[in-house]
Amino acid sequence: MTAEKILPTIAILGGTGNEGPGLALRWAKYGFQVIIGSRQLEKARATAEKLNKELGIQTIEGYDNSTAARKADLCVLTVVQSAHEQAIESLKNDLKGKILVDTTARVDYRDPRPPAPPAAARLAQEKLGDQVRVVAAFQNVPAASLRNNLDEPLEEDLLICADDPDDAAEVAKLAEALGMNVYYAGNLDNAVVIEGLTSILISINKYYRSRTASIQITGIKKE
């Protein structure tokens, strides 16, 4: 008899914006236990209820960010760039011993330009210290792609940065569950380049009147 695969509980902190609900839908549909976090408890609960209704399930829960982080095995931060520093500071104790996936791309949609270093994920790691393992990922994944065609895999490429490749591998499993092709792209300092790619994708989307431009890696044969 084959043992049932145990999937981690994922908290999406700041999960009521554009990207968070899309990731929540995808992971919940796959079978992950998903928690929506927000600074406002009622907003988190309302978003969770809406997503549950969309999928016809009752497993997605909503809590304030602090409670969501403590309840989860792994946390994904999807706040807007202006809230990044405050969110990191307020969750420092709640994130101890966990992986934090930082999806932040410090790019203004109205005037997309590559951000200056250090990367948002590096700033997060410096503030959180060595009791939290920060991984940078999902900065280039269009929110529109996450919400569209939920029954189909996300056939997109994803770059992941982390100081420890083993931490990147843990996050890669979450992305691969959604159908993504994942590539380790070096330590957290390299994540500033991935943030900059977001400015390029936004510019491409604007010019070609699209919402779903993404990246693709070629020339690599993965075992």
N, C-alpha and C. Protein backbone atom coordinates (compact mmCIF):
# COMPACT_ATOMS: atom_id res chain seq x y z
N MET A 1 0.84 -1.19 0.00
CA MET A 1 0.00 0.00 0.00
C MET A 1 0.88 1.24 0.00
N THR A 2 0.64 2.17 -0.89
CA THR A 2 1.46 3.37 -1.00
C THR A 2 1.00 4.42 -0.01
N ALA A 3 1.96 4.99 0.73
CA ALA A 3 1.62 6.03 1.71
C ALA A 3 1.16 7.28 0.98
N GLU A 4 0.16 7.95 1.57
CA GLU A 4 -0.35 9.16 0.97
C GLU A 4 0.68 10.28 1.07
N LYS A 5 0.87 11.00 0.01
CA LYS A 5 1.84 12.09 -0.01
C LYS A 5 1.35 13.23 0.86
N ILE A 6 2.20 13.68 1.79
CA ILE A 6 1.85 14.78 2.67
C ILE A 6 2.37 16.08 2.07
N LEU A 7 1.45 17.00 1.80
CA LEU A 7 1.84 18.28 1.21
C LEU A 7 1.94 19.34 2.30
N PRO A 8 2.88 20.28 2.14
CA PRO A 8 3.03 21.32 3.16
C PRO A 8 1.86 22.30 3.16
N THR A 9 1.63 22.91 4.32
CA THR A 9 0.66 23.99 4.42
C THR A 9 1.34 25.29 4.02
N ILE A 10 0.72 26.01 3.09
CA ILE A 10 1.30 27.24 2.55
C ILE A 10 0.49 28.44 3.01
N ALA A 11 1.16 29.42 3.63
CA ALA A 11 0.52 30.69 3.96
C ALA A 11 0.92 31.73 2.94
N ILE A 12 -0.05 32.38 2.34
CA ILE A 12 0.22 33.46 1.40
C ILE A 12 -0.04 34.76 2.14
N LEU A 13 1.04 35.43 2.53
CA LEU A 13 0.97 36.62 3.36
C LEU A 13 0.78 37.84 2.48
N GLY A 14 -0.20 38.67 2.85
CA GLY A 14 -0.59 39.74 1.92
C GLY A 14 -1.28 39.13 0.72
N GLY A 15 -2.06 38.09 0.98
CA GLY A 15 -2.61 37.26 -0.09
C GLY A 15 -3.93 37.72 -0.66
N THR A 16 -4.30 38.98 -0.44
CA THR A 16 -5.58 39.46 -0.94
C THR A 16 -5.43 40.40 -2.13
N GLY A 17 -4.22 40.54 -2.66
CA GLY A 17 -3.98 41.46 -3.78
C GLY A 17 -4.18 40.81 -5.13
N ASN A 18 -3.22 41.04 -6.04
CA ASN A 18 -3.34 40.52 -7.41
C ASN A 18 -2.78 39.11 -7.55
N GLU A 19 -1.57 38.88 -7.07
CA GLU A 19 -0.90 37.60 -7.30
C GLU A 19 -1.30 36.54 -6.29
N GLY A 20 -1.46 36.92 -5.04
CA GLY A 20 -1.73 35.95 -3.98
C GLY A 20 -2.93 35.05 -4.23
N PRO A 21 -4.10 35.61 -4.58
CA PRO A 21 -5.26 34.75 -4.82
C PRO A 21 -5.05 33.75 -5.96
N GLY A 22 -4.33 34.15 -6.99
CA GLY A 22 -4.07 33.24 -8.10
C GLY A 22 -3.21 32.06 -7.67
N LEU A 23 -2.17 32.33 -6.90
CA LEU A 23 -1.34 31.24 -6.37
C LEU A 23 -2.16 30.35 -5.45
N ALA A 24 -2.99 30.97 -4.62
CA ALA A 24 -3.83 30.20 -3.70
C ALA A 24 -4.75 29.25 -4.45
N LEU A 25 -5.39 29.74 -5.49
CA LEU A 25 -6.29 28.90 -6.28
C LEU A 25 -5.54 27.71 -6.87
N ARG A 26 -4.38 27.97 -7.44
CA ARG A 26 -3.61 26.91 -8.08
C ARG A 26 -3.18 25.85 -7.07
N TRP A 27 -2.62 26.28 -5.95
CA TRP A 27 -2.14 25.32 -4.96
C TRP A 27 -3.28 24.57 -4.29
N ALA A 28 -4.36 25.26 -3.99
CA ALA A 28 -5.51 24.59 -3.36
C ALA A 28 -6.10 23.55 -4.31
N LYS A 29 -6.16 23.88 -5.57
CA LYS A 29 -6.71 22.95 -6.57
C LYS A 29 -5.85 21.70 -6.67
N TYR A 30 -4.54 21.88 -6.49
CA TYR A 30 -3.62 20.73 -6.54
C TYR A 30 -3.75 19.86 -5.29
N GLY A 31 -4.19 20.45 -4.18
CA GLY A 31 -4.35 19.68 -2.97
C GLY A 31 -3.61 20.20 -1.75
N PHE A 32 -2.89 21.30 -1.93
CA PHE A 32 -2.20 21.90 -0.79
C PHE A 32 -3.20 22.55 0.16
N GLN A 33 -2.89 22.52 1.45
CA GLN A 33 -3.63 23.32 2.43
C GLN A 33 -3.12 24.75 2.32
N VAL A 34 -4.00 25.69 2.03
CA VAL A 34 -3.62 27.08 1.78
C VAL A 34 -4.26 27.99 2.82
N ILE A 35 -3.46 28.93 3.32
CA ILE A 35 -3.94 29.94 4.25
C ILE A 35 -3.73 31.31 3.62
N ILE A 36 -4.77 32.12 3.58
CA ILE A 36 -4.65 33.50 3.13
C ILE A 36 -4.38 34.39 4.34
N GLY A 37 -3.31 35.20 4.26
CA GLY A 37 -2.99 36.13 5.32
C GLY A 37 -3.20 37.56 4.87
N SER A 38 -3.58 38.40 5.80
CA SER A 38 -3.76 39.82 5.52
C SER A 38 -3.58 40.60 6.81
N ARG A 39 -3.27 41.89 6.69
CA ARG A 39 -3.23 42.72 7.90
C ARG A 39 -4.62 42.84 8.52
N GLN A 40 -5.64 42.68 7.67
CA GLN A 40 -7.03 42.77 8.14
C GLN A 40 -7.66 41.37 8.11
N LEU A 41 -8.00 40.88 9.29
CA LEU A 41 -8.55 39.53 9.41
C LEU A 41 -9.78 39.33 8.54
N GLU A 42 -10.71 40.28 8.57
CA GLU A 42 -11.94 40.13 7.80
C GLU A 42 -11.66 40.06 6.30
N LYS A 43 -10.68 40.82 5.85
CA LYS A 43 -10.32 40.79 4.43
C LYS A 43 -9.76 39.43 4.05
N ALA A 44 -8.95 38.85 4.93
CA ALA A 44 -8.38 37.52 4.67
C ALA A 44 -9.50 36.48 4.61
N ARG A 45 -10.43 36.55 5.54
CA ARG A 45 -11.53 35.59 5.57
C ARG A 45 -12.43 35.72 4.34
N ALA A 46 -12.68 36.97 3.94
CA ALA A 46 -13.54 37.19 2.77
C ALA A 46 -12.89 36.66 1.51
N THR A 47 -11.58 36.86 1.38
CA THR A 47 -10.86 36.34 0.21
C THR A 47 -10.86 34.83 0.21
N ALA A 48 -10.61 34.22 1.36
CA ALA A 48 -10.62 32.76 1.46
C ALA A 48 -11.98 32.20 1.09
N GLU A 49 -13.03 32.84 1.58
CA GLU A 49 -14.39 32.38 1.26
C GLU A 49 -14.67 32.47 -0.24
N LYS A 50 -14.23 33.55 -0.84
CA LYS A 50 -14.44 33.74 -2.27
C LYS A 50 -13.71 32.67 -3.09
N LEU A 51 -12.47 32.38 -2.70
CA LEU A 51 -11.68 31.39 -3.42
C LEU A 51 -12.25 29.99 -3.23
N ASN A 52 -12.68 29.68 -2.01
CA ASN A 52 -13.33 28.38 -1.75
C ASN A 52 -14.55 28.19 -2.64
N LYS A 53 -15.34 29.25 -2.75
CA LYS A 53 -16.55 29.19 -3.57
C LYS A 53 -16.20 28.97 -5.03
N GLU A 54 -15.13 29.61 -5.48
CA GLU A 54 -14.72 29.47 -6.88
C GLU A 54 -14.30 28.04 -7.20
N LEU A 55 -13.66 27.38 -6.24
CA LEU A 55 -13.19 26.01 -6.45
C LEU A 55 -14.18 24.95 -5.98
N GLY A 56 -15.21 25.36 -5.26
CA GLY A 56 -16.15 24.40 -4.72
C GLY A 56 -15.58 23.58 -3.59
N ILE A 57 -14.75 24.23 -2.75
CA ILE A 57 -14.12 23.54 -1.63
C ILE A 57 -14.33 24.38 -0.36
N GLN A 58 -13.80 23.88 0.77
CA GLN A 58 -13.87 24.62 2.02
C GLN A 58 -12.54 24.58 2.76
N THR A 59 -11.46 24.33 2.05
CA THR A 59 -10.18 24.09 2.73
C THR A 59 -9.31 25.34 2.89
N ILE A 60 -9.53 26.37 2.10
CA ILE A 60 -8.72 27.59 2.20
C ILE A 60 -9.20 28.39 3.41
N GLU A 61 -8.25 28.77 4.26
CA GLU A 61 -8.58 29.52 5.47
C GLU A 61 -8.02 30.93 5.40
N GLY A 62 -8.58 31.83 6.18
CA GLY A 62 -8.11 33.21 6.23
C GLY A 62 -7.80 33.64 7.65
N TYR A 63 -6.61 34.22 7.85
CA TYR A 63 -6.18 34.70 9.15
C TYR A 63 -5.41 36.00 8.97
N ASP A 64 -5.14 36.68 10.08
CA ASP A 64 -4.21 37.80 10.00
C ASP A 64 -2.83 37.25 9.65
N ASN A 65 -1.96 38.10 9.12
CA ASN A 65 -0.66 37.65 8.62
C ASN A 65 0.14 36.89 9.67
N SER A 66 0.14 37.40 10.89
CA SER A 66 0.93 36.79 11.95
C SER A 66 0.46 35.36 12.24
N THR A 67 -0.83 35.18 12.40
CA THR A 67 -1.38 33.85 12.67
C THR A 67 -1.16 32.92 11.48
N ALA A 68 -1.36 33.44 10.28
CA ALA A 68 -1.16 32.63 9.08
C ALA A 68 0.27 32.12 8.99
N ALA A 69 1.23 32.99 9.28
CA ALA A 69 2.64 32.59 9.22
C ALA A 69 2.95 31.49 10.23
N ARG A 70 2.42 31.61 11.43
CA ARG A 70 2.71 30.62 12.47
C ARG A 70 2.07 29.27 12.15
N LYS A 71 0.92 29.27 11.50
CA LYS A 71 0.22 28.02 11.20
C LYS A 71 0.82 27.26 10.02
N ALA A 72 1.62 27.94 9.20
CA ALA A 72 2.08 27.35 7.94
C ALA A 72 3.42 26.63 8.09
N ASP A 73 3.67 25.72 7.15
CA ASP A 73 4.99 25.10 7.03
C ASP A 73 5.93 25.99 6.23
N LEU A 74 5.36 26.71 5.28
CA LEU A 74 6.13 27.55 4.37
C LEU A 74 5.29 28.78 4.04
N CYS A 75 5.93 29.95 3.93
CA CYS A 75 5.20 31.19 3.70
C CYS A 75 5.61 31.85 2.39
N VAL A 76 4.65 32.48 1.74
CA VAL A 76 4.88 33.19 0.48
C VAL A 76 4.41 34.62 0.68
N LEU A 77 5.31 35.57 0.48
CA LEU A 77 4.99 36.98 0.68
C LEU A 77 4.61 37.62 -0.66
N THR A 78 3.38 38.15 -0.74
CA THR A 78 2.89 38.73 -1.99
C THR A 78 2.37 40.15 -1.78
N VAL A 79 3.01 40.90 -0.88
CA VAL A 79 2.57 42.27 -0.64
C VAL A 79 3.07 43.20 -1.75
N VAL A 80 2.44 44.37 -1.88
CA VAL A 80 2.92 45.39 -2.81
C VAL A 80 4.26 45.91 -2.31
N GLN A 81 5.06 46.45 -3.22
CA GLN A 81 6.43 46.83 -2.85
C GLN A 81 6.48 47.85 -1.73
N SER A 82 5.50 48.75 -1.67
CA SER A 82 5.51 49.78 -0.64
C SER A 82 5.28 49.22 0.76
N ALA A 83 4.72 48.02 0.85
CA ALA A 83 4.45 47.38 2.13
C ALA A 83 5.50 46.35 2.52
N HIS A 84 6.50 46.16 1.69
CA HIS A 84 7.48 45.09 1.87
C HIS A 84 8.25 45.22 3.18
N GLU A 85 8.84 46.36 3.41
CA GLU A 85 9.68 46.53 4.60
C GLU A 85 8.88 46.36 5.88
N GLN A 86 7.71 46.95 5.94
CA GLN A 86 6.87 46.86 7.13
C GLN A 86 6.42 45.43 7.37
N ALA A 87 6.07 44.73 6.30
CA ALA A 87 5.63 43.33 6.44
C ALA A 87 6.74 42.46 7.00
N ILE A 88 7.94 42.62 6.48
CA ILE A 88 9.08 41.84 6.94
C ILE A 88 9.34 42.11 8.42
N GLU A 89 9.34 43.37 8.79
CA GLU A 89 9.63 43.75 10.17
C GLU A 89 8.57 43.18 11.12
N SER A 90 7.31 43.24 10.74
CA SER A 90 6.23 42.82 11.63
C SER A 90 6.14 41.30 11.77
N LEU A 91 6.69 40.56 10.81
CA LEU A 91 6.55 39.10 10.82
C LEU A 91 7.82 38.37 11.25
N LYS A 92 8.81 39.12 11.69
CA LYS A 92 10.12 38.54 11.98
C LYS A 92 10.04 37.36 12.93
N ASN A 93 9.31 37.51 14.03
CA ASN A 93 9.22 36.42 15.02
C ASN A 93 8.36 35.27 14.53
N ASP A 94 7.34 35.57 13.75
CA ASP A 94 6.41 34.54 13.28
C ASP A 94 7.03 33.63 12.22
N LEU A 95 8.07 34.11 11.56
CA LEU A 95 8.67 33.35 10.45
C LEU A 95 9.86 32.50 10.87
N LYS A 96 10.24 32.55 12.13
CA LYS A 96 11.42 31.82 12.58
C LYS A 96 11.30 30.32 12.28
N GLY A 97 12.36 29.78 11.71
CA GLY A 97 12.41 28.36 11.40
C GLY A 97 11.75 27.97 10.10
N LYS A 98 11.27 28.95 9.34
CA LYS A 98 10.53 28.65 8.11
C LYS A 98 11.26 29.20 6.87
N ILE A 99 10.82 28.71 5.72
CA ILE A 99 11.20 29.31 4.43
C ILE A 99 10.19 30.40 4.12
N LEU A 100 10.70 31.57 3.73
CA LEU A 100 9.86 32.65 3.24
C LEU A 100 10.15 32.85 1.76
N VAL A 101 9.15 32.67 0.92
CA VAL A 101 9.29 32.93 -0.51
C VAL A 101 8.89 34.38 -0.75
N ASP A 102 9.85 35.18 -1.18
CA ASP A 102 9.61 36.60 -1.43
C ASP A 102 9.36 36.80 -2.92
N THR A 103 8.15 37.22 -3.26
CA THR A 103 7.77 37.40 -4.67
C THR A 103 7.91 38.85 -5.13
N THR A 104 8.46 39.70 -4.27
CA THR A 104 8.47 41.14 -4.52
C THR A 104 9.31 41.54 -5.72
N ALA A 105 8.72 42.32 -6.60
CA ALA A 105 9.44 42.97 -7.70
C ALA A 105 9.21 44.46 -7.54
N ARG A 106 10.25 45.19 -7.21
CA ARG A 106 10.09 46.63 -6.91
C ARG A 106 10.04 47.43 -8.21
N VAL A 107 8.95 47.28 -8.91
CA VAL A 107 8.77 47.91 -10.22
C VAL A 107 7.41 48.61 -10.24
N ASP A 108 7.39 49.84 -10.71
CA ASP A 108 6.16 50.62 -10.82
C ASP A 108 5.55 50.36 -12.20
N TYR A 109 4.33 49.82 -12.20
CA TYR A 109 3.67 49.51 -13.47
C TYR A 109 3.54 50.74 -14.36
N ARG A 110 3.34 51.91 -13.74
CA ARG A 110 3.14 53.14 -14.52
C ARG A 110 4.42 53.59 -15.22
N ASP A 111 5.57 53.29 -14.63
CA ASP A 111 6.85 53.69 -15.20
C ASP A 111 7.87 52.60 -14.91
N PRO A 112 7.77 51.46 -15.61
CA PRO A 112 8.59 50.30 -15.27
C PRO A 112 10.09 50.51 -15.53
N ARG A 113 10.87 50.40 -14.47
CA ARG A 113 12.33 50.49 -14.56
C ARG A 113 12.94 49.46 -13.63
N PRO A 114 14.10 48.91 -13.99
CA PRO A 114 14.75 47.95 -13.09
C PRO A 114 15.12 48.61 -11.77
N PRO A 115 14.92 47.93 -10.65
CA PRO A 115 15.25 48.51 -9.35
C PRO A 115 16.76 48.46 -9.08
N ALA A 116 17.19 49.29 -8.17
CA ALA A 116 18.59 49.29 -7.76
C ALA A 116 18.84 48.16 -6.76
N PRO A 117 20.04 47.60 -6.75
CA PRO A 117 20.36 46.59 -5.74
C PRO A 117 20.47 47.23 -4.36
N PRO A 118 20.36 46.43 -3.30
CA PRO A 118 20.21 44.97 -3.28
C PRO A 118 18.78 44.53 -3.59
N ALA A 119 18.65 43.25 -3.90
CA ALA A 119 17.33 42.68 -4.20
C ALA A 119 16.41 42.75 -2.99
N ALA A 120 15.12 42.81 -3.24
CA ALA A 120 14.14 42.80 -2.15
C ALA A 120 14.34 41.58 -1.25
N ALA A 121 14.61 40.44 -1.85
CA ALA A 121 14.80 39.23 -1.07
C ALA A 121 16.06 39.31 -0.21
N ARG A 122 17.11 39.95 -0.71
CA ARG A 122 18.32 40.14 0.09
C ARG A 122 18.04 41.06 1.27
N LEU A 123 17.28 42.12 1.03
CA LEU A 123 16.90 43.02 2.12
C LEU A 123 16.09 42.27 3.17
N ALA A 124 15.20 41.40 2.71
CA ALA A 124 14.39 40.60 3.63
C ALA A 124 15.28 39.67 4.46
N GLN A 125 16.23 39.02 3.80
CA GLN A 125 17.11 38.09 4.51
C GLN A 125 17.94 38.82 5.57
N GLU A 126 18.41 40.01 5.23
CA GLU A 126 19.21 40.77 6.19
C GLU A 126 18.38 41.18 7.40
N LYS A 127 17.12 41.52 7.19
CA LYS A 127 16.26 41.92 8.30
C LYS A 127 15.83 40.72 9.15
N LEU A 128 15.59 39.60 8.51
CA LEU A 128 15.06 38.43 9.21
C LEU A 128 16.14 37.62 9.91
N GLY A 129 17.37 37.69 9.42
CA GLY A 129 18.45 36.94 10.02
C GLY A 129 18.45 35.48 9.62
N ASP A 130 19.39 34.72 10.22
CA ASP A 130 19.60 33.35 9.76
C ASP A 130 18.57 32.36 10.29
N GLN A 131 17.60 32.81 11.08
CA GLN A 131 16.56 31.90 11.54
C GLN A 131 15.43 31.74 10.53
N VAL A 132 15.49 32.53 9.46
CA VAL A 132 14.52 32.42 8.37
C VAL A 132 15.30 32.24 7.08
N ARG A 133 14.85 31.32 6.22
CA ARG A 133 15.53 31.08 4.94
C ARG A 133 14.69 31.71 3.83
N VAL A 134 15.22 32.78 3.26
CA VAL A 134 14.49 33.52 2.23
C VAL A 134 14.82 32.96 0.85
N VAL A 135 13.80 32.79 0.06
CA VAL A 135 13.92 32.34 -1.33
C VAL A 135 13.17 33.35 -2.21
N ALA A 136 13.78 33.78 -3.29
CA ALA A 136 13.14 34.71 -4.22
C ALA A 136 12.56 33.93 -5.39
N ALA A 137 11.26 34.13 -5.65
CA ALA A 137 10.60 33.40 -6.75
C ALA A 137 9.28 34.06 -7.10
N PHE A 138 8.77 33.74 -8.28
CA PHE A 138 7.45 34.13 -8.78
C PHE A 138 7.34 35.62 -9.15
N GLN A 139 8.46 36.35 -9.20
CA GLN A 139 8.37 37.77 -9.55
C GLN A 139 7.90 38.00 -10.98
N ASN A 140 8.19 37.06 -11.86
CA ASN A 140 7.89 37.24 -13.28
C ASN A 140 6.63 36.51 -13.74
N VAL A 141 5.88 35.94 -12.81
CA VAL A 141 4.69 35.19 -13.18
C VAL A 141 3.50 36.14 -13.28
N PRO A 142 2.88 36.28 -14.45
CA PRO A 142 1.77 37.22 -14.59
C PRO A 142 0.57 36.80 -13.75
N ALA A 143 0.00 37.75 -13.02
CA ALA A 143 -1.18 37.45 -12.22
C ALA A 143 -2.32 36.93 -13.08
N ALA A 144 -2.44 37.45 -14.30
CA ALA A 144 -3.51 37.02 -15.20
C ALA A 144 -3.38 35.54 -15.55
N SER A 145 -2.14 35.08 -15.72
CA SER A 145 -1.92 33.67 -16.05
C SER A 145 -2.34 32.75 -14.92
N LEU A 146 -2.16 33.22 -13.69
CA LEU A 146 -2.52 32.41 -12.53
C LEU A 146 -4.02 32.18 -12.45
N ARG A 147 -4.80 33.19 -12.82
CA ARG A 147 -6.25 33.10 -12.70
C ARG A 147 -6.93 32.46 -13.90
N ASN A 148 -6.24 32.41 -15.03
CA ASN A 148 -6.84 31.88 -16.26
C ASN A 148 -6.60 30.37 -16.38
N ASN A 149 -7.56 29.66 -16.97
CA ASN A 149 -7.39 28.25 -17.33
C ASN A 149 -6.87 27.41 -16.16
N LEU A 150 -7.60 27.43 -15.06
CA LEU A 150 -7.15 26.74 -13.86
C LEU A 150 -7.01 25.23 -14.05
N ASP A 151 -7.69 24.68 -15.03
CA ASP A 151 -7.61 23.24 -15.25
C ASP A 151 -6.38 22.84 -16.05
N GLU A 152 -5.63 23.82 -16.52
CA GLU A 152 -4.43 23.55 -17.30
C GLU A 152 -3.18 23.91 -16.50
N PRO A 153 -2.08 23.17 -16.69
CA PRO A 153 -0.85 23.48 -15.96
C PRO A 153 -0.26 24.82 -16.42
N LEU A 154 0.49 25.44 -15.54
CA LEU A 154 1.18 26.70 -15.87
C LEU A 154 2.46 26.35 -16.62
N GLU A 155 2.40 26.32 -17.91
CA GLU A 155 3.57 25.94 -18.69
C GLU A 155 4.45 27.16 -18.91
N GLU A 156 5.05 27.62 -17.80
CA GLU A 156 5.95 28.78 -17.82
C GLU A 156 7.24 28.41 -17.13
N ASP A 157 8.29 29.18 -17.41
CA ASP A 157 9.57 28.96 -16.76
C ASP A 157 9.69 29.89 -15.56
N LEU A 158 10.31 29.40 -14.51
CA LEU A 158 10.46 30.15 -13.27
C LEU A 158 11.91 30.15 -12.83
N LEU A 159 12.42 31.33 -12.50
CA LEU A 159 13.76 31.47 -11.94
C LEU A 159 13.66 31.60 -10.43
N ILE A 160 14.48 30.83 -9.72
CA ILE A 160 14.49 30.87 -8.26
C ILE A 160 15.89 31.21 -7.77
N CYS A 161 15.97 32.13 -6.82
CA CYS A 161 17.23 32.49 -6.20
C CYS A 161 17.18 32.20 -4.70
N ALA A 162 18.26 31.66 -4.17
CA ALA A 162 18.37 31.40 -2.74
C ALA A 162 19.84 31.21 -2.41
N ASP A 163 20.22 31.57 -1.20
CA ASP A 163 21.61 31.37 -0.79
C ASP A 163 21.91 29.88 -0.64
N ASP A 164 20.91 29.10 -0.31
CA ASP A 164 21.06 27.65 -0.18
C ASP A 164 20.25 26.96 -1.28
N PRO A 165 20.92 26.26 -2.20
CA PRO A 165 20.19 25.58 -3.27
C PRO A 165 19.15 24.58 -2.77
N ASP A 166 19.35 24.02 -1.58
CA ASP A 166 18.37 23.08 -1.03
C ASP A 166 17.05 23.79 -0.72
N ASP A 167 17.14 25.03 -0.25
CA ASP A 167 15.92 25.80 0.00
C ASP A 167 15.21 26.11 -1.31
N ALA A 168 15.99 26.43 -2.34
CA ALA A 168 15.41 26.67 -3.66
C ALA A 168 14.71 25.42 -4.17
N ALA A 169 15.29 24.25 -3.89
CA ALA A 169 14.69 22.99 -4.34
C ALA A 169 13.35 22.74 -3.68
N GLU A 170 13.20 23.14 -2.40
CA GLU A 170 11.92 22.99 -1.72
C GLU A 170 10.85 23.84 -2.38
N VAL A 171 11.20 25.06 -2.74
CA VAL A 171 10.24 25.94 -3.39
C VAL A 171 9.97 25.48 -4.82
N ALA A 172 10.97 24.92 -5.46
CA ALA A 172 10.80 24.41 -6.81
C ALA A 172 9.69 23.36 -6.87
N LYS A 173 9.57 22.55 -5.81
CA LYS A 173 8.53 21.52 -5.78
C LYS A 173 7.13 22.15 -5.86
N LEU A 174 6.97 23.30 -5.20
CA LEU A 174 5.67 23.98 -5.22
C LEU A 174 5.35 24.48 -6.62
N ALA A 175 6.36 25.00 -7.30
CA ALA A 175 6.15 25.52 -8.66
C ALA A 175 5.94 24.38 -9.65
N GLU A 176 6.70 23.31 -9.50
CA GLU A 176 6.56 22.17 -10.40
C GLU A 176 5.20 21.51 -10.26
N ALA A 177 4.62 21.57 -9.07
CA ALA A 177 3.28 21.03 -8.87
C ALA A 177 2.25 21.75 -9.73
N LEU A 178 2.55 23.00 -10.07
CA LEU A 178 1.66 23.79 -10.91
C LEU A 178 1.98 23.65 -12.39
N GLY A 179 2.98 22.83 -12.72
CA GLY A 179 3.33 22.59 -14.11
C GLY A 179 4.46 23.46 -14.64
N MET A 180 5.12 24.22 -13.76
CA MET A 180 6.15 25.16 -14.20
C MET A 180 7.50 24.47 -14.37
N ASN A 181 8.32 25.00 -15.27
CA ASN A 181 9.70 24.57 -15.42
C ASN A 181 10.56 25.50 -14.56
N VAL A 182 11.35 24.92 -13.66
CA VAL A 182 12.04 25.71 -12.65
C VAL A 182 13.55 25.63 -12.83
N TYR A 183 14.22 26.77 -12.66
CA TYR A 183 15.66 26.86 -12.80
C TYR A 183 16.26 27.62 -11.62
N TYR A 184 17.26 27.02 -10.98
CA TYR A 184 17.97 27.72 -9.92
C TYR A 184 18.89 28.75 -10.55
N ALA A 185 18.77 30.00 -10.08
CA ALA A 185 19.47 31.11 -10.73
C ALA A 185 20.48 31.80 -9.82
N GLY A 186 20.97 31.09 -8.81
CA GLY A 186 22.02 31.65 -7.97
C GLY A 186 21.49 32.22 -6.66
N ASN A 187 22.36 32.95 -5.97
CA ASN A 187 22.01 33.44 -4.64
C ASN A 187 21.07 34.64 -4.69
N LEU A 188 20.70 35.14 -3.52
CA LEU A 188 19.70 36.20 -3.43
C LEU A 188 20.12 37.49 -4.10
N ASP A 189 21.43 37.73 -4.23
CA ASP A 189 21.87 38.95 -4.91
C ASP A 189 21.45 38.96 -6.38
N ASN A 190 21.37 37.79 -6.98
CA ASN A 190 20.95 37.70 -8.39
C ASN A 190 19.47 38.03 -8.58
N ALA A 191 18.71 37.99 -7.50
CA ALA A 191 17.27 38.22 -7.61
C ALA A 191 16.94 39.64 -8.07
N VAL A 192 17.87 40.57 -7.90
CA VAL A 192 17.61 41.94 -8.38
C VAL A 192 17.47 41.95 -9.89
N VAL A 193 18.17 41.07 -10.57
CA VAL A 193 18.05 40.97 -12.03
C VAL A 193 16.68 40.41 -12.40
N ILE A 194 16.20 39.45 -11.63
CA ILE A 194 14.87 38.89 -11.89
C ILE A 194 13.80 39.94 -11.66
N GLU A 195 13.98 40.76 -10.64
CA GLU A 195 13.05 41.89 -10.44
C GLU A 195 13.06 42.80 -11.67
N GLY A 196 14.25 43.06 -12.18
CA GLY A 196 14.37 43.91 -13.36
C GLY A 196 13.68 43.33 -14.58
N LEU A 197 13.67 42.01 -14.69
CA LEU A 197 12.97 41.37 -15.81
C LEU A 197 11.49 41.70 -15.78
N THR A 198 10.95 41.93 -14.58
CA THR A 198 9.55 42.30 -14.47
C THR A 198 9.27 43.61 -15.19
N SER A 199 10.20 44.55 -15.09
CA SER A 199 10.02 45.83 -15.79
C SER A 199 10.00 45.63 -17.30
N ILE A 200 10.80 44.70 -17.78
CA ILE A 200 10.82 44.40 -19.22
C ILE A 200 9.51 43.74 -19.64
N LEU A 201 9.03 42.79 -18.84
CA LEU A 201 7.78 42.11 -19.18
C LEU A 201 6.60 43.07 -19.17
N ILE A 202 6.59 43.99 -18.21
CA ILE A 202 5.53 45.00 -18.18
C ILE A 202 5.56 45.85 -19.44
N SER A 203 6.76 46.25 -19.84
CA SER A 203 6.90 47.08 -21.04
C SER A 203 6.45 46.32 -22.29
N ILE A 204 6.79 45.05 -22.36
CA ILE A 204 6.35 44.21 -23.49
C ILE A 204 4.83 44.11 -23.49
N ASN A 205 4.26 43.85 -22.33
CA ASN A 205 2.80 43.74 -22.23
C ASN A 205 2.12 45.02 -22.69
N LYS A 206 2.65 46.14 -22.28
CA LYS A 206 2.05 47.42 -22.67
C LYS A 206 2.12 47.63 -24.17
N TYR A 207 3.26 47.36 -24.74
CA TYR A 207 3.45 47.61 -26.17
C TYR A 207 2.57 46.70 -27.01
N TYR A 208 2.50 45.42 -26.61
CA TYR A 208 1.76 44.44 -27.41
C TYR A 208 0.33 44.21 -26.89
N ARG A 209 -0.10 45.04 -25.95
CA ARG A 209 -1.46 44.97 -25.41
C ARG A 209 -1.79 43.56 -24.90
N SER A 210 -0.91 43.09 -24.06
CA SER A 210 -1.05 41.76 -23.48
C SER A 210 -1.00 41.87 -21.96
N ARG A 211 -1.27 40.76 -21.29
CA ARG A 211 -1.15 40.71 -19.82
C ARG A 211 -0.39 39.47 -19.37
N THR A 212 0.11 38.69 -20.32
CA THR A 212 0.63 37.38 -19.95
C THR A 212 2.04 37.09 -20.48
N ALA A 213 2.83 38.12 -20.77
CA ALA A 213 4.21 37.89 -21.21
C ALA A 213 4.99 37.19 -20.09
N SER A 214 5.80 36.22 -20.47
CA SER A 214 6.60 35.49 -19.49
C SER A 214 7.95 35.15 -20.10
N ILE A 215 8.82 34.51 -19.32
CA ILE A 215 10.15 34.20 -19.82
C ILE A 215 10.26 32.71 -20.14
N GLN A 216 11.26 32.39 -20.96
CA GLN A 216 11.54 30.99 -21.28
C GLN A 216 13.05 30.80 -21.34
N ILE A 217 13.53 29.71 -20.72
CA ILE A 217 14.94 29.37 -20.73
C ILE A 217 15.18 28.27 -21.74
N THR A 218 16.18 28.45 -22.60
CA THR A 218 16.51 27.43 -23.58
C THR A 218 17.99 27.02 -23.41
N GLY A 219 18.34 25.91 -24.01
CA GLY A 219 19.73 25.46 -24.00
C GLY A 219 20.12 24.65 -22.77
N ILE A 220 19.17 24.36 -21.89
CA ILE A 220 19.46 23.58 -20.68
C ILE A 220 18.73 22.25 -20.75
N LYS A 221 19.46 21.17 -20.53
CA LYS A 221 18.85 19.85 -20.45
C LYS A 221 18.83 19.44 -18.97
N LYS A 222 17.63 19.36 -18.40
CA LYS A 222 17.49 18.99 -17.00
C LYS A 222 17.31 17.48 -16.87
N GLU A 223 17.97 16.92 -15.88
CA GLU A 223 17.85 15.48 -15.66
C GLU A 223 16.54 15.14 -14.96
